[in-house]
Amino acid sequence: MRFARASLFILSAIALASLAAAIAQGQSPVLGTVRPYAFLPKQSTLAVDYPGLEMPTRLLPVFGRFDMAFIATPGQVSFGPTAKFTDVHAWAGNPLSATAAAPIDLDQALNLSGLTGRQLPVASLFDVYQFTGRTSDGSPVSIFASIRGPWMRLHGGTVPDAATTAPRPVDYE
């Protein structure tokens, strides 16, 4: 019986230490910090549609790095810190493709630097943020981001509304 109690105690201590290590690896950002991130390979793609044309949606791989600033929003009560994209160097497209199409600059296409993200209260091991804002042509943007250590996976895109004319919808998957 003593052996069972001792092994249960040791297993509990190991589980708590593992949980503390996972939290310490950057899952919970601290206010006022700026952290570097990169897009999660093979899971972040940009879907480009061609409204009015009979062309299929193209999935372009997303690559690049950026920084994320975690700040408190004055006068706003939220679940966690507010996040902002900074120093964005990210593109969509295949640089090894045989086509002559230039990669799409994500900061210009989606206005990543102009989006504001709020942390969502989800039951997950990873922090999840919703970024909202508008592109340079006025299309509303809504992107969900899951932070996994130094990696980020994005899903969302732009949505045409009555104020814009013929926007180019894009979508992260």
Protein backbone atom coordinates (compact mmCIF):
# COMPACT_ATOMS: atom_id res chain seq x y z
CA MET A 1 0.00 0.00 0.00
CA ARG A 2 2.87 2.39 0.71
CA PHE A 3 4.28 1.76 -2.77
CA ALA A 4 0.96 2.72 -4.42
CA ARG A 5 0.73 6.00 -2.46
CA ALA A 6 4.34 6.90 -3.21
CA SER A 7 4.00 6.20 -6.93
CA LEU A 8 0.71 8.15 -7.07
CA PHE A 9 2.41 11.10 -5.39
CA ILE A 10 5.37 10.95 -7.81
CA LEU A 11 3.08 10.74 -10.86
CA SER A 12 1.06 13.71 -9.60
CA ALA A 13 4.22 15.75 -9.08
CA ILE A 14 5.43 14.91 -12.61
CA ALA A 15 2.07 15.91 -14.11
CA LEU A 16 2.11 19.27 -12.28
CA ALA A 17 5.71 19.91 -13.33
CA SER A 18 4.82 19.15 -16.97
CA LEU A 19 1.86 21.55 -16.83
CA ALA A 20 4.03 24.29 -15.30
CA ALA A 21 6.68 23.75 -18.00
CA ALA A 22 4.06 24.01 -20.77
CA ILE A 23 2.78 27.30 -19.35
CA ALA A 24 6.33 28.62 -18.93
CA GLN A 25 7.14 27.92 -22.61
CA GLY A 26 5.15 30.92 -23.69
CA GLN A 27 1.51 29.90 -23.80
CA SER A 28 0.40 32.83 -21.63
CA PRO A 29 1.86 36.12 -22.92
CA VAL A 30 2.72 38.87 -20.45
CA LEU A 31 1.43 42.42 -20.91
CA GLY A 32 3.94 44.75 -22.53
CA THR A 33 5.94 42.02 -24.25
CA VAL A 34 6.78 41.62 -27.93
CA ARG A 35 7.43 38.08 -29.12
CA PRO A 36 8.60 36.71 -32.48
CA TYR A 37 6.38 34.19 -34.28
CA ALA A 38 6.23 32.36 -37.60
CA PHE A 39 3.35 30.79 -39.51
CA LEU A 40 2.81 27.10 -38.82
CA PRO A 41 4.17 25.28 -41.89
CA LYS A 42 1.80 23.20 -44.00
CA GLN A 43 -1.21 24.41 -42.00
CA SER A 44 -1.36 28.09 -42.95
CA THR A 45 -2.58 28.69 -46.48
CA LEU A 46 -4.23 31.59 -48.24
CA ALA A 47 -7.30 30.79 -50.35
CA VAL A 48 -7.64 33.28 -53.20
CA ASP A 49 -11.00 33.52 -54.97
CA TYR A 50 -11.68 35.26 -58.26
CA PRO A 51 -15.20 36.79 -58.12
CA GLY A 52 -16.93 36.93 -61.47
CA LEU A 53 -14.44 34.63 -63.14
CA GLU A 54 -14.81 30.92 -63.63
CA MET A 55 -11.51 30.09 -61.97
CA PRO A 56 -11.08 27.68 -59.09
CA THR A 57 -9.96 28.88 -55.69
CA ARG A 58 -6.17 28.75 -55.37
CA LEU A 59 -4.54 27.67 -52.11
CA LEU A 60 -1.25 29.45 -51.61
CA PRO A 61 1.20 28.45 -48.86
CA VAL A 62 1.90 31.17 -46.31
CA PHE A 63 5.42 31.77 -45.08
CA GLY A 64 7.27 34.43 -43.14
CA ARG A 65 7.83 35.85 -39.70
CA PHE A 66 6.35 38.63 -37.60
CA ASP A 67 6.30 39.97 -34.07
CA MET A 68 3.27 40.08 -31.80
CA ALA A 69 2.87 42.84 -29.19
CA PHE A 70 0.68 42.05 -26.18
CA ILE A 71 -0.80 45.18 -24.61
CA ALA A 72 -3.63 46.20 -22.30
CA THR A 73 -6.43 48.15 -23.92
CA PRO A 74 -7.31 51.19 -21.76
CA GLY A 75 -10.94 51.25 -20.67
CA GLN A 76 -11.68 47.76 -21.97
CA VAL A 77 -12.19 44.68 -19.86
CA SER A 78 -11.17 41.49 -21.63
CA PHE A 79 -10.22 37.91 -20.87
CA GLY A 80 -6.53 38.42 -21.67
CA PRO A 81 -4.15 40.90 -23.28
CA THR A 82 -4.86 42.58 -26.60
CA ALA A 83 -2.54 41.51 -29.43
CA LYS A 84 -1.18 43.50 -32.39
CA PHE A 85 0.92 42.34 -35.36
CA THR A 86 4.19 44.26 -35.68
CA ASP A 87 7.18 44.01 -38.04
CA VAL A 88 5.32 41.72 -40.47
CA HIS A 89 7.46 39.98 -43.13
CA ALA A 90 5.02 37.40 -44.51
CA TRP A 91 3.88 36.34 -47.97
CA ALA A 92 1.51 33.92 -49.66
CA GLY A 93 2.57 32.06 -52.76
CA ASN A 94 4.98 29.40 -53.82
CA PRO A 95 8.43 30.90 -54.48
CA LEU A 96 9.46 27.67 -56.23
CA SER A 97 6.47 27.68 -58.58
CA ALA A 98 6.99 27.66 -62.35
CA THR A 99 4.43 30.48 -62.74
CA ALA A 100 5.47 34.10 -62.90
CA ALA A 101 3.01 35.17 -60.19
CA ALA A 102 4.68 37.25 -57.50
CA PRO A 103 4.03 36.34 -53.86
CA ILE A 104 1.26 38.30 -52.13
CA ASP A 105 2.42 40.55 -49.27
CA LEU A 106 0.08 39.60 -46.41
CA ASP A 107 0.49 42.89 -44.58
CA GLN A 108 -0.71 44.78 -47.66
CA ALA A 109 -3.46 42.31 -48.59
CA LEU A 110 -4.96 41.79 -45.12
CA ASN A 111 -3.65 44.86 -43.26
CA LEU A 112 -2.23 42.59 -40.53
CA SER A 113 -0.48 45.53 -38.82
CA GLY A 114 -3.81 47.34 -38.56
CA LEU A 115 -5.76 44.47 -36.93
CA THR A 116 -6.54 44.25 -33.23
CA GLY A 117 -6.77 40.87 -31.53
CA ARG A 118 -8.55 39.91 -28.35
CA GLN A 119 -7.96 36.69 -26.48
CA LEU A 120 -10.92 34.32 -26.48
CA PRO A 121 -11.97 32.36 -23.36
CA VAL A 122 -11.60 28.85 -24.78
CA ALA A 123 -10.85 25.55 -23.05
CA SER A 124 -7.62 24.83 -24.92
CA LEU A 125 -3.96 24.25 -24.22
CA PHE A 126 -3.21 27.05 -26.70
CA ASP A 127 -4.12 30.72 -26.60
CA VAL A 128 -6.70 31.68 -29.24
CA TYR A 129 -7.17 35.25 -30.48
CA GLN A 130 -9.69 36.87 -32.80
CA PHE A 131 -8.27 39.68 -34.94
CA THR A 132 -10.67 42.17 -36.49
CA GLY A 133 -10.28 45.29 -38.60
CA ARG A 134 -10.41 46.44 -42.22
CA THR A 135 -8.19 46.12 -45.27
CA SER A 136 -6.94 49.16 -47.19
CA ASP A 137 -9.94 48.90 -49.56
CA GLY A 138 -12.41 48.79 -46.65
CA SER A 139 -13.25 45.07 -46.58
CA PRO A 140 -13.86 43.76 -43.06
CA VAL A 141 -11.30 41.23 -41.80
CA SER A 142 -11.89 38.55 -39.17
CA ILE A 143 -9.06 36.13 -38.43
CA PHE A 144 -8.74 33.54 -35.68
CA ALA A 145 -5.21 32.76 -34.50
CA SER A 146 -4.04 29.80 -32.44
CA ILE A 147 -0.64 30.31 -30.79
CA ARG A 148 1.44 27.15 -30.41
CA GLY A 149 4.79 28.06 -28.85
CA PRO A 150 6.70 30.12 -31.47
CA TRP A 151 4.18 29.15 -34.18
CA MET A 152 0.86 30.65 -35.16
CA ARG A 153 -1.94 29.10 -37.22
CA LEU A 154 -4.43 31.53 -38.74
CA HIS A 155 -7.93 30.94 -40.08
CA GLY A 156 -10.33 33.55 -41.42
CA GLY A 157 -10.18 36.22 -44.05
CA THR A 158 -11.99 39.13 -45.65
CA VAL A 159 -15.70 39.37 -46.26
CA PRO A 160 -17.28 41.63 -48.89
CA ASP A 161 -19.86 44.06 -47.57
CA ALA A 162 -22.12 46.72 -49.07
CA ALA A 163 -19.50 49.47 -48.60
CA THR A 164 -16.96 47.78 -50.86
CA THR A 165 -17.12 47.00 -54.54
CA ALA A 166 -15.69 43.77 -55.90
CA PRO A 167 -13.20 42.99 -53.10
CA ARG A 168 -10.85 40.07 -53.49
CA PRO A 169 -11.85 37.66 -50.70
CA VAL A 170 -9.07 35.73 -49.07
CA ASP A 171 -9.17 32.99 -46.47
CA TYR A 172 -6.67 31.32 -44.18
CA GLU A 173 -7.10 27.63 -43.65
